[in-house]
PDB file of all heavy atoms in Angstrom:
ATOM      1  N   LYS A   1      67.091  47.245  67.507  1.00  0.00           N
ATOM      2  CA  LYS A   1      67.450  46.358  68.578  1.00  0.00           C
ATOM      3  C   LYS A   1      68.020  45.062  68.040  1.00  0.00           C
ATOM      4  O   LYS A   1      67.437  44.431  67.190  1.00  0.00           O
ATOM      5  CB  LYS A   1      66.241  46.059  69.465  1.00  0.00           C
ATOM      6  CG  LYS A   1      66.565  45.153  70.688  1.00  0.00           C
ATOM      7  CD  LYS A   1      65.304  44.895  71.518  1.00  0.00           C
ATOM      8  CE  LYS A   1      65.663  44.027  72.711  1.00  0.00           C
ATOM      9  NZ  LYS A   1      64.449  43.720  73.524  1.00  0.00           N
ATOM     10  N   GLY A   2      69.248  44.730  68.448  1.00  0.00           N
ATOM     11  CA  GLY A   2      69.892  43.502  67.939  1.00  0.00           C
ATOM     12  C   GLY A   2      70.864  43.809  66.837  1.00  0.00           C
ATOM     13  O   GLY A   2      71.614  42.884  66.389  1.00  0.00           O
ATOM     14  N   ALA A   3      70.947  45.070  66.342  1.00  0.00           N
ATOM     15  CA  ALA A   3      71.932  45.436  65.330  1.00  0.00           C
ATOM     16  C   ALA A   3      73.327  45.498  65.943  1.00  0.00           C
ATOM     17  O   ALA A   3      73.497  45.780  67.099  1.00  0.00           O
ATOM     18  CB  ALA A   3      71.563  46.742  64.658  1.00  0.00           C
ATOM     19  N   PRO A   4      74.378  45.265  65.116  1.00  0.00           N
ATOM     20  CA  PRO A   4      75.744  45.341  65.668  1.00  0.00           C
ATOM     21  C   PRO A   4      76.053  46.777  66.179  1.00  0.00           C
ATOM     22  O   PRO A   4      75.519  47.774  65.640  1.00  0.00           O
ATOM     23  CB  PRO A   4      76.613  45.024  64.468  1.00  0.00           C
ATOM     24  CG  PRO A   4      75.731  44.284  63.510  1.00  0.00           C
ATOM     25  CD  PRO A   4      74.360  44.811  63.747  1.00  0.00           C
ATOM     26  N   LEU A   5      76.878  46.851  67.201  1.00  0.00           N
ATOM     27  CA  LEU A   5      77.178  48.124  67.804  1.00  0.00           C
ATOM     28  C   LEU A   5      77.823  49.079  66.795  1.00  0.00           C
ATOM     29  O   LEU A   5      77.622  50.299  66.832  1.00  0.00           O
ATOM     30  CB  LEU A   5      78.113  47.950  69.032  1.00  0.00           C
ATOM     31  CG  LEU A   5      77.484  47.261  70.189  1.00  0.00           C
ATOM     32  CD1 LEU A   5      78.544  47.068  71.328  1.00  0.00           C
ATOM     33  CD2 LEU A   5      76.278  48.042  70.745  1.00  0.00           C
ATOM     34  N   GLU A   6      78.629  48.543  65.883  1.00  0.00           N
ATOM     35  CA  GLU A   6      79.332  49.334  64.894  1.00  0.00           C
ATOM     36  C   GLU A   6      78.307  50.079  64.000  1.00  0.00           C
ATOM     37  O   GLU A   6      78.596  51.166  63.444  1.00  0.00           O
ATOM     38  CB  GLU A   6      80.300  48.521  64.036  1.00  0.00           C
ATOM     39  CG  GLU A   6      81.426  47.885  64.779  1.00  0.00           C
ATOM     40  CD  GLU A   6      80.991  46.641  65.542  1.00  0.00           C
ATOM     41  OE1 GLU A   6      79.851  46.177  65.308  1.00  0.00           O
ATOM     42  OE2 GLU A   6      81.793  46.092  66.316  1.00  0.00           O
ATOM     43  N   ALA A   7      77.160  49.441  63.774  1.00  0.00           N
ATOM     44  CA  ALA A   7      76.166  50.008  62.873  1.00  0.00           C
ATOM     45  C   ALA A   7      75.289  51.043  63.560  1.00  0.00           C
ATOM     46  O   ALA A   7      74.497  51.732  62.906  1.00  0.00           O
ATOM     47  CB  ALA A   7      75.237  48.867  62.321  1.00  0.00           C
ATOM     48  N   LEU A   8      75.439  51.239  64.888  1.00  0.00           N
ATOM     49  CA  LEU A   8      74.608  52.157  65.615  1.00  0.00           C
ATOM     50  C   LEU A   8      75.305  53.501  65.865  1.00  0.00           C
ATOM     51  O   LEU A   8      74.741  54.302  66.581  1.00  0.00           O
ATOM     52  CB  LEU A   8      74.196  51.512  66.969  1.00  0.00           C
ATOM     53  CG  LEU A   8      73.398  50.189  66.850  1.00  0.00           C
ATOM     54  CD1 LEU A   8      73.035  49.722  68.257  1.00  0.00           C
ATOM     55  CD2 LEU A   8      72.177  50.403  66.039  1.00  0.00           C
ATOM     56  N   SER A   9      76.488  53.670  65.321  1.00  0.00           N
ATOM     57  CA  SER A   9      77.138  54.984  65.446  1.00  0.00           C
ATOM     58  C   SER A   9      76.738  55.887  64.310  1.00  0.00           C
ATOM     59  O   SER A   9      77.026  55.585  63.149  1.00  0.00           O
ATOM     60  CB  SER A   9      78.652  54.771  65.448  1.00  0.00           C
ATOM     61  OG  SER A   9      79.089  54.159  64.280  1.00  0.00           O
ATOM     62  N   ALA A  10      76.022  56.943  64.615  1.00  0.00           N
ATOM     63  CA  ALA A  10      75.547  57.854  63.570  1.00  0.00           C
ATOM     64  C   ALA A  10      75.578  59.277  64.116  1.00  0.00           C
ATOM     65  O   ALA A  10      74.798  59.599  64.997  1.00  0.00           O
ATOM     66  CB  ALA A  10      74.134  57.494  63.160  1.00  0.00           C
ATOM     67  N   ASN A  11      76.548  60.076  63.635  1.00  0.00           N
ATOM     68  CA  ASN A  11      76.688  61.439  64.187  1.00  0.00           C
ATOM     69  C   ASN A  11      75.614  62.410  63.742  1.00  0.00           C
ATOM     70  O   ASN A  11      75.545  63.573  64.210  1.00  0.00           O
ATOM     71  CB  ASN A  11      78.110  61.998  63.848  1.00  0.00           C
ATOM     72  CG  ASN A  11      78.411  61.955  62.401  1.00  0.00           C
ATOM     73  OD1 ASN A  11      77.539  61.688  61.539  1.00  0.00           O
ATOM     74  ND2 ASN A  11      79.658  62.161  62.012  1.00  0.00           N
ATOM     75  N   ALA A  12      74.801  62.006  62.723  1.00  0.00           N
ATOM     76  CA  ALA A  12      73.714  62.879  62.292  1.00  0.00           C
ATOM     77  C   ALA A  12      72.337  62.259  62.590  1.00  0.00           C
ATOM     78  O   ALA A  12      71.317  62.678  62.036  1.00  0.00           O
ATOM     79  CB  ALA A  12      73.805  63.189  60.807  1.00  0.00           C
ATOM     80  N   GLY A  13      72.339  61.284  63.483  1.00  0.00           N
ATOM     81  CA  GLY A  13      71.064  60.711  63.911  1.00  0.00           C
ATOM     82  C   GLY A  13      70.551  59.628  62.991  1.00  0.00           C
ATOM     83  O   GLY A  13      71.273  59.097  62.127  1.00  0.00           O
ATOM     84  N   PHE A  14      69.294  59.202  63.202  1.00  0.00           N
ATOM     85  CA  PHE A  14      68.687  58.085  62.521  1.00  0.00           C
ATOM     86  C   PHE A  14      67.382  58.533  61.928  1.00  0.00           C
ATOM     87  O   PHE A  14      66.546  59.147  62.529  1.00  0.00           O
ATOM     88  CB  PHE A  14      68.425  56.936  63.466  1.00  0.00           C
ATOM     89  CG  PHE A  14      69.679  56.381  64.099  1.00  0.00           C
ATOM     90  CD1 PHE A  14      70.254  56.991  65.207  1.00  0.00           C
ATOM     91  CD2 PHE A  14      70.255  55.237  63.618  1.00  0.00           C
ATOM     92  CE1 PHE A  14      71.389  56.531  65.833  1.00  0.00           C
ATOM     93  CE2 PHE A  14      71.421  54.736  64.187  1.00  0.00           C
ATOM     94  CZ  PHE A  14      71.986  55.375  65.281  1.00  0.00           C
ATOM     95  N   VAL A  15      67.177  58.224  60.614  1.00  0.00           N
ATOM     96  CA  VAL A  15      65.954  58.512  59.904  1.00  0.00           C
ATOM     97  C   VAL A  15      65.176  57.267  59.655  1.00  0.00           C
ATOM     98  O   VAL A  15      65.750  56.247  59.174  1.00  0.00           O
ATOM     99  CB  VAL A  15      66.258  59.247  58.541  1.00  0.00           C
ATOM    100  CG1 VAL A  15      64.955  59.574  57.814  1.00  0.00           C
ATOM    101  CG2 VAL A  15      67.055  60.484  58.779  1.00  0.00           C
ATOM    102  N   THR A  16      63.898  57.281  59.940  1.00  0.00           N
ATOM    103  CA  THR A  16      63.012  56.081  59.781  1.00  0.00           C
ATOM    104  C   THR A  16      61.906  56.379  58.861  1.00  0.00           C
ATOM    105  O   THR A  16      61.174  57.395  59.024  1.00  0.00           O
ATOM    106  CB  THR A  16      62.494  55.618  61.162  1.00  0.00           C
ATOM    107  OG1 THR A  16      63.550  55.358  62.072  1.00  0.00           O
ATOM    108  CG2 THR A  16      61.632  54.408  61.009  1.00  0.00           C
ATOM    109  N   PHE A  17      61.733  55.534  57.869  1.00  0.00           N
ATOM    110  CA  PHE A  17      60.567  55.608  56.951  1.00  0.00           C
ATOM    111  C   PHE A  17      59.703  54.347  57.161  1.00  0.00           C
ATOM    112  O   PHE A  17      60.252  53.273  57.399  1.00  0.00           O
ATOM    113  CB  PHE A  17      60.979  55.656  55.476  1.00  0.00           C
ATOM    114  CG  PHE A  17      61.712  56.922  55.115  1.00  0.00           C
ATOM    115  CD1 PHE A  17      63.103  56.934  55.084  1.00  0.00           C
ATOM    116  CD2 PHE A  17      61.026  58.070  54.820  1.00  0.00           C
ATOM    117  CE1 PHE A  17      63.787  58.092  54.705  1.00  0.00           C
ATOM    118  CE2 PHE A  17      61.691  59.239  54.465  1.00  0.00           C
ATOM    119  CZ  PHE A  17      63.052  59.237  54.407  1.00  0.00           C
ATOM    120  N   VAL A  18      58.387  54.534  57.042  1.00  0.00           N
ATOM    121  CA  VAL A  18      57.486  53.379  57.100  1.00  0.00           C
ATOM    122  C   VAL A  18      56.791  53.286  55.753  1.00  0.00           C
ATOM    123  O   VAL A  18      56.048  54.210  55.353  1.00  0.00           O
ATOM    124  CB  VAL A  18      56.427  53.555  58.231  1.00  0.00           C
ATOM    125  CG1 VAL A  18      55.509  52.322  58.257  1.00  0.00           C
ATOM    126  CG2 VAL A  18      57.169  53.744  59.577  1.00  0.00           C
ATOM    127  N   ILE A  19      57.031  52.218  55.050  1.00  0.00           N
ATOM    128  CA  ILE A  19      56.522  51.990  53.711  1.00  0.00           C
ATOM    129  C   ILE A  19      55.305  51.093  53.752  1.00  0.00           C
ATOM    130  O   ILE A  19      55.380  49.967  54.315  1.00  0.00           O
ATOM    131  CB  ILE A  19      57.587  51.357  52.777  1.00  0.00           C
ATOM    132  CG1 ILE A  19      58.913  52.127  52.880  1.00  0.00           C
ATOM    133  CG2 ILE A  19      57.097  51.336  51.344  1.00  0.00           C
ATOM    134  CD1 ILE A  19      58.840  53.560  52.450  1.00  0.00           C
ATOM    135  N   PHE A  20      54.182  51.589  53.217  1.00  0.00           N
ATOM    136  CA  PHE A  20      52.946  50.815  53.149  1.00  0.00           C
ATOM    137  C   PHE A  20      52.689  50.309  51.730  1.00  0.00           C
ATOM    138  O   PHE A  20      53.319  50.771  50.775  1.00  0.00           O
ATOM    139  CB  PHE A  20      51.787  51.666  53.647  1.00  0.00           C
ATOM    140  CG  PHE A  20      51.852  51.994  55.112  1.00  0.00           C
ATOM    141  CD1 PHE A  20      52.245  53.303  55.501  1.00  0.00           C
ATOM    142  CD2 PHE A  20      51.530  51.087  56.065  1.00  0.00           C
ATOM    143  CE1 PHE A  20      52.310  53.608  56.864  1.00  0.00           C
ATOM    144  CE2 PHE A  20      51.584  51.396  57.418  1.00  0.00           C
ATOM    145  CZ  PHE A  20      51.950  52.662  57.825  1.00  0.00           C
ATOM    146  N   PRO A  21      51.775  49.364  51.539  1.00  0.00           N
ATOM    147  CA  PRO A  21      51.511  48.852  50.189  1.00  0.00           C
ATOM    148  C   PRO A  21      51.198  49.902  49.167  1.00  0.00           C
ATOM    149  O   PRO A  21      51.562  49.778  47.977  1.00  0.00           O
ATOM    150  CB  PRO A  21      50.339  47.891  50.424  1.00  0.00           C
ATOM    151  CG  PRO A  21      50.500  47.414  51.829  1.00  0.00           C
ATOM    152  CD  PRO A  21      51.041  48.610  52.563  1.00  0.00           C
ATOM    153  N   ARG A  22      50.558  50.993  49.561  1.00  0.00           N
ATOM    154  CA  ARG A  22      50.197  52.032  48.594  1.00  0.00           C
ATOM    155  C   ARG A  22      51.420  52.732  48.001  1.00  0.00           C
ATOM    156  O   ARG A  22      51.335  53.353  46.946  1.00  0.00           O
ATOM    157  CB  ARG A  22      49.238  53.052  49.217  1.00  0.00           C
ATOM    158  CG  ARG A  22      49.905  53.913  50.279  1.00  0.00           C
ATOM    159  CD  ARG A  22      48.952  54.999  50.793  1.00  0.00           C
ATOM    160  NE  ARG A  22      49.547  55.907  51.766  1.00  0.00           N
ATOM    161  CZ  ARG A  22      49.569  55.694  53.061  1.00  0.00           C
ATOM    162  NH1 ARG A  22      49.019  54.594  53.587  1.00  0.00           N
ATOM    163  NH2 ARG A  22      50.129  56.555  53.896  1.00  0.00           N
ATOM    164  N   HIS A  23      52.541  52.656  48.677  1.00  0.00           N
ATOM    165  CA  HIS A  23      53.786  53.305  48.218  1.00  0.00           C
ATOM    166  C   HIS A  23      54.537  52.452  47.191  1.00  0.00           C
ATOM    167  O   HIS A  23      55.544  52.935  46.617  1.00  0.00           O
ATOM    168  CB  HIS A  23      54.652  53.603  49.403  1.00  0.00           C
ATOM    169  CG  HIS A  23      54.079  54.508  50.403  1.00  0.00           C
ATOM    170  ND1 HIS A  23      54.088  54.232  51.766  1.00  0.00           N
ATOM    171  CD2 HIS A  23      53.413  55.679  50.240  1.00  0.00           C
ATOM    172  CE1 HIS A  23      53.443  55.187  52.421  1.00  0.00           C
ATOM    173  NE2 HIS A  23      53.005  56.069  51.526  1.00  0.00           N
ATOM    174  N   VAL A  24      54.120  51.204  47.005  1.00  0.00           N
ATOM    175  CA  VAL A  24      54.898  50.316  46.050  1.00  0.00           C
ATOM    176  C   VAL A  24      53.959  49.698  45.035  1.00  0.00           C
ATOM    177  O   VAL A  24      54.321  48.674  44.421  1.00  0.00           O
ATOM    178  CB  VAL A  24      55.631  49.227  46.878  1.00  0.00           C
ATOM    179  CG1 VAL A  24      56.767  49.847  47.711  1.00  0.00           C
ATOM    180  CG2 VAL A  24      54.689  48.452  47.765  1.00  0.00           C
ATOM    181  N   GLU A  25      52.824  50.279  44.816  1.00  0.00           N
ATOM    182  CA  GLU A  25      51.863  49.719  43.831  1.00  0.00           C
ATOM    183  C   GLU A  25      52.276  50.130  42.431  1.00  0.00           C
ATOM    184  O   GLU A  25      52.615  51.324  42.146  1.00  0.00           O
ATOM    185  CB  GLU A  25      50.447  50.232  44.113  1.00  0.00           C
ATOM    186  CG  GLU A  25      49.876  49.717  45.425  1.00  0.00           C
ATOM    187  CD  GLU A  25      48.547  50.330  45.760  1.00  0.00           C
ATOM    188  OE1 GLU A  25      48.217  51.357  45.124  1.00  0.00           O
ATOM    189  OE2 GLU A  25      47.847  49.826  46.649  1.00  0.00           O
ATOM    190  N   GLY A  26      52.246  49.167  41.497  1.00  0.00           N
ATOM    191  CA  GLY A  26      52.560  49.476  40.105  1.00  0.00           C
ATOM    192  C   GLY A  26      53.925  50.096  39.883  1.00  0.00           C
ATOM    193  O   GLY A  26      54.958  49.607  40.320  1.00  0.00           O
ATOM    194  N   LYS A  27      53.928  51.227  39.129  1.00  0.00           N
ATOM    195  CA  LYS A  27      55.151  51.898  38.814  1.00  0.00           C
ATOM    196  C   LYS A  27      55.808  52.602  39.990  1.00  0.00           C
ATOM    197  O   LYS A  27      56.962  53.051  39.874  1.00  0.00           O
ATOM    198  CB  LYS A  27      54.911  52.956  37.689  1.00  0.00           C
ATOM    199  CG  LYS A  27      54.470  52.308  36.352  1.00  0.00           C
ATOM    200  CD  LYS A  27      54.276  53.345  35.268  1.00  0.00           C
ATOM    201  CE  LYS A  27      53.901  52.704  33.974  1.00  0.00           C
ATOM    202  NZ  LYS A  27      53.699  53.751  32.876  1.00  0.00           N
ATOM    203  N   LYS A  28      55.103  52.718  41.086  1.00  0.00           N
ATOM    204  CA  LYS A  28      55.721  53.295  42.292  1.00  0.00           C
ATOM    205  C   LYS A  28      56.800  52.471  42.843  1.00  0.00           C
ATOM    206  O   LYS A  28      57.703  53.009  43.542  1.00  0.00           O
ATOM    207  CB  LYS A  28      54.634  53.554  43.356  1.00  0.00           C
ATOM    208  CG  LYS A  28      53.571  54.576  43.025  1.00  0.00           C
ATOM    209  CD  LYS A  28      52.568  54.693  44.140  1.00  0.00           C
ATOM    210  CE  LYS A  28      51.466  55.648  43.781  1.00  0.00           C
ATOM    211  NZ  LYS A  28      50.475  55.754  44.901  1.00  0.00           N
ATOM    212  N   LEU A  29      56.833  51.201  42.563  1.00  0.00           N
ATOM    213  CA  LEU A  29      57.856  50.299  43.118  1.00  0.00           C
ATOM    214  C   LEU A  29      59.242  50.724  42.745  1.00  0.00           C
ATOM    215  O   LEU A  29      60.161  50.843  43.567  1.00  0.00           O
ATOM    216  CB  LEU A  29      57.585  48.876  42.700  1.00  0.00           C
ATOM    217  CG  LEU A  29      58.619  47.891  43.146  1.00  0.00           C
ATOM    218  CD1 LEU A  29      58.672  47.719  44.658  1.00  0.00           C
ATOM    219  CD2 LEU A  29      58.328  46.470  42.540  1.00  0.00           C
ATOM    220  N   ASP A  30      59.469  50.952  41.477  1.00  0.00           N
ATOM    221  CA  ASP A  30      60.832  51.345  40.966  1.00  0.00           C
ATOM    222  C   ASP A  30      61.306  52.675  41.635  1.00  0.00           C
ATOM    223  O   ASP A  30      62.462  52.760  42.030  1.00  0.00           O
ATOM    224  CB  ASP A  30      60.828  51.507  39.442  1.00  0.00           C
ATOM    225  CG  ASP A  30      60.677  50.188  38.761  1.00  0.00           C
ATOM    226  OD1 ASP A  30      60.973  49.158  39.331  1.00  0.00           O
ATOM    227  OD2 ASP A  30      60.244  50.182  37.563  1.00  0.00           O
ATOM    228  N   ARG A  31      60.381  53.631  41.680  1.00  0.00           N
ATOM    229  CA  ARG A  31      60.747  54.913  42.262  1.00  0.00           C
ATOM    230  C   ARG A  31      61.094  54.784  43.772  1.00  0.00           C
ATOM    231  O   ARG A  31      62.009  55.410  44.262  1.00  0.00           O
ATOM    232  CB  ARG A  31      59.590  55.888  42.079  1.00  0.00           C
ATOM    233  CG  ARG A  31      59.891  57.296  42.516  1.00  0.00           C
ATOM    234  CD  ARG A  31      58.799  58.226  42.073  1.00  0.00           C
ATOM    235  NE  ARG A  31      57.491  57.841  42.574  1.00  0.00           N
ATOM    236  CZ  ARG A  31      56.321  58.258  42.132  1.00  0.00           C
ATOM    237  NH1 ARG A  31      56.323  59.187  41.156  1.00  0.00           N
ATOM    238  NH2 ARG A  31      55.208  57.853  42.645  1.00  0.00           N
ATOM    239  N   THR A  32      60.354  53.932  44.454  1.00  0.00           N
ATOM    240  CA  THR A  32      60.559  53.777  45.922  1.00  0.00           C
ATOM    241  C   THR A  32      61.876  53.029  46.129  1.00  0.00           C
ATOM    242  O   THR A  32      62.641  53.416  47.024  1.00  0.00           O
ATOM    243  CB  THR A  32      59.374  52.956  46.534  1.00  0.00           C
ATOM    244  OG1 THR A  32      58.178  53.667  46.298  1.00  0.00           O
ATOM    245  CG2 THR A  32      59.601  52.785  48.044  1.00  0.00           C
ATOM    246  N   VAL A  33      62.167  52.022  45.347  1.00  0.00           N
ATOM    247  CA  VAL A  33      63.406  51.293  45.508  1.00  0.00           C
ATOM    248  C   VAL A  33      64.585  52.226  45.265  1.00  0.00           C
ATOM    249  O   VAL A  33      65.574  52.252  46.045  1.00  0.00           O
ATOM    250  CB  VAL A  33      63.478  50.102  44.511  1.00  0.00           C
ATOM    251  CG1 VAL A  33      64.906  49.493  44.457  1.00  0.00           C
ATOM    252  CG2 VAL A  33      62.481  49.014  44.886  1.00  0.00           C
ATOM    253  N   TRP A  34      64.524  53.055  44.202  1.00  0.00           N
ATOM    254  CA  TRP A  34      65.659  53.973  43.924  1.00  0.00           C
ATOM    255  C   TRP A  34      65.782  55.069  44.994  1.00  0.00           C
ATOM    256  O   TRP A  34      66.893  55.345  45.423  1.00  0.00           O
ATOM    257  CB  TRP A  34      65.410  54.573  42.583  1.00  0.00           C
ATOM    258  CG  TRP A  34      66.444  55.608  42.193  1.00  0.00           C
ATOM    259  CD1 TRP A  34      66.272  56.968  42.083  1.00  0.00           C
ATOM    260  CD2 TRP A  34      67.839  55.397  41.905  1.00  0.00           C
ATOM    261  NE1 TRP A  34      67.427  57.594  41.729  1.00  0.00           N
ATOM    262  CE2 TRP A  34      68.441  56.643  41.642  1.00  0.00           C
ATOM    263  CE3 TRP A  34      68.640  54.272  41.884  1.00  0.00           C
ATOM    264  CZ2 TRP A  34      69.763  56.779  41.290  1.00  0.00           C
ATOM    265  CZ3 TRP A  34      69.995  54.380  41.563  1.00  0.00           C
ATOM    266  CH2 TRP A  34      70.542  55.651  41.296  1.00  0.00           C
ATOM    267  N   SER A  35      64.691  55.610  45.447  1.00  0.00           N
ATOM    268  CA  SER A  35      64.718  56.663  46.435  1.00  0.00           C
ATOM    269  C   SER A  35      65.331  56.196  47.752  1.00  0.00           C
ATOM    270  O   SER A  35      66.104  56.878  48.370  1.00  0.00           O
ATOM    271  CB  SER A  35      63.350  57.244  46.640  1.00  0.00           C
ATOM    272  OG  SER A  35      62.817  57.802  45.492  1.00  0.00           O
ATOM    273  N   LEU A  36      64.985  54.988  48.159  1.00  0.00           N
ATOM    274  CA  LEU A  36      65.501  54.458  49.412  1.00  0.00           C
ATOM    275  C   LEU A  36      67.000  54.033  49.247  1.00  0.00           C
ATOM    276  O   LEU A  36      67.784  54.264  50.137  1.00  0.00           O
ATOM    277  CB  LEU A  36      64.661  53.236  49.862  1.00  0.00           C
ATOM    278  CG  LEU A  36      63.244  53.542  50.341  1.00  0.00           C
ATOM    279  CD1 LEU A  36      62.486  52.237  50.625  1.00  0.00           C
ATOM    280  CD2 LEU A  36      63.255  54.413  51.573  1.00  0.00           C
TER     281      LEU A  36
END
């Protein structure tokens, strides 16, 4: 909500991830940054 209309056009839908602190602890941070 509030994003530009041009950014809301997606012909394959929208994927949402929810990242919690356990996903970015220690060495997991680098892997999470790269994967996203």
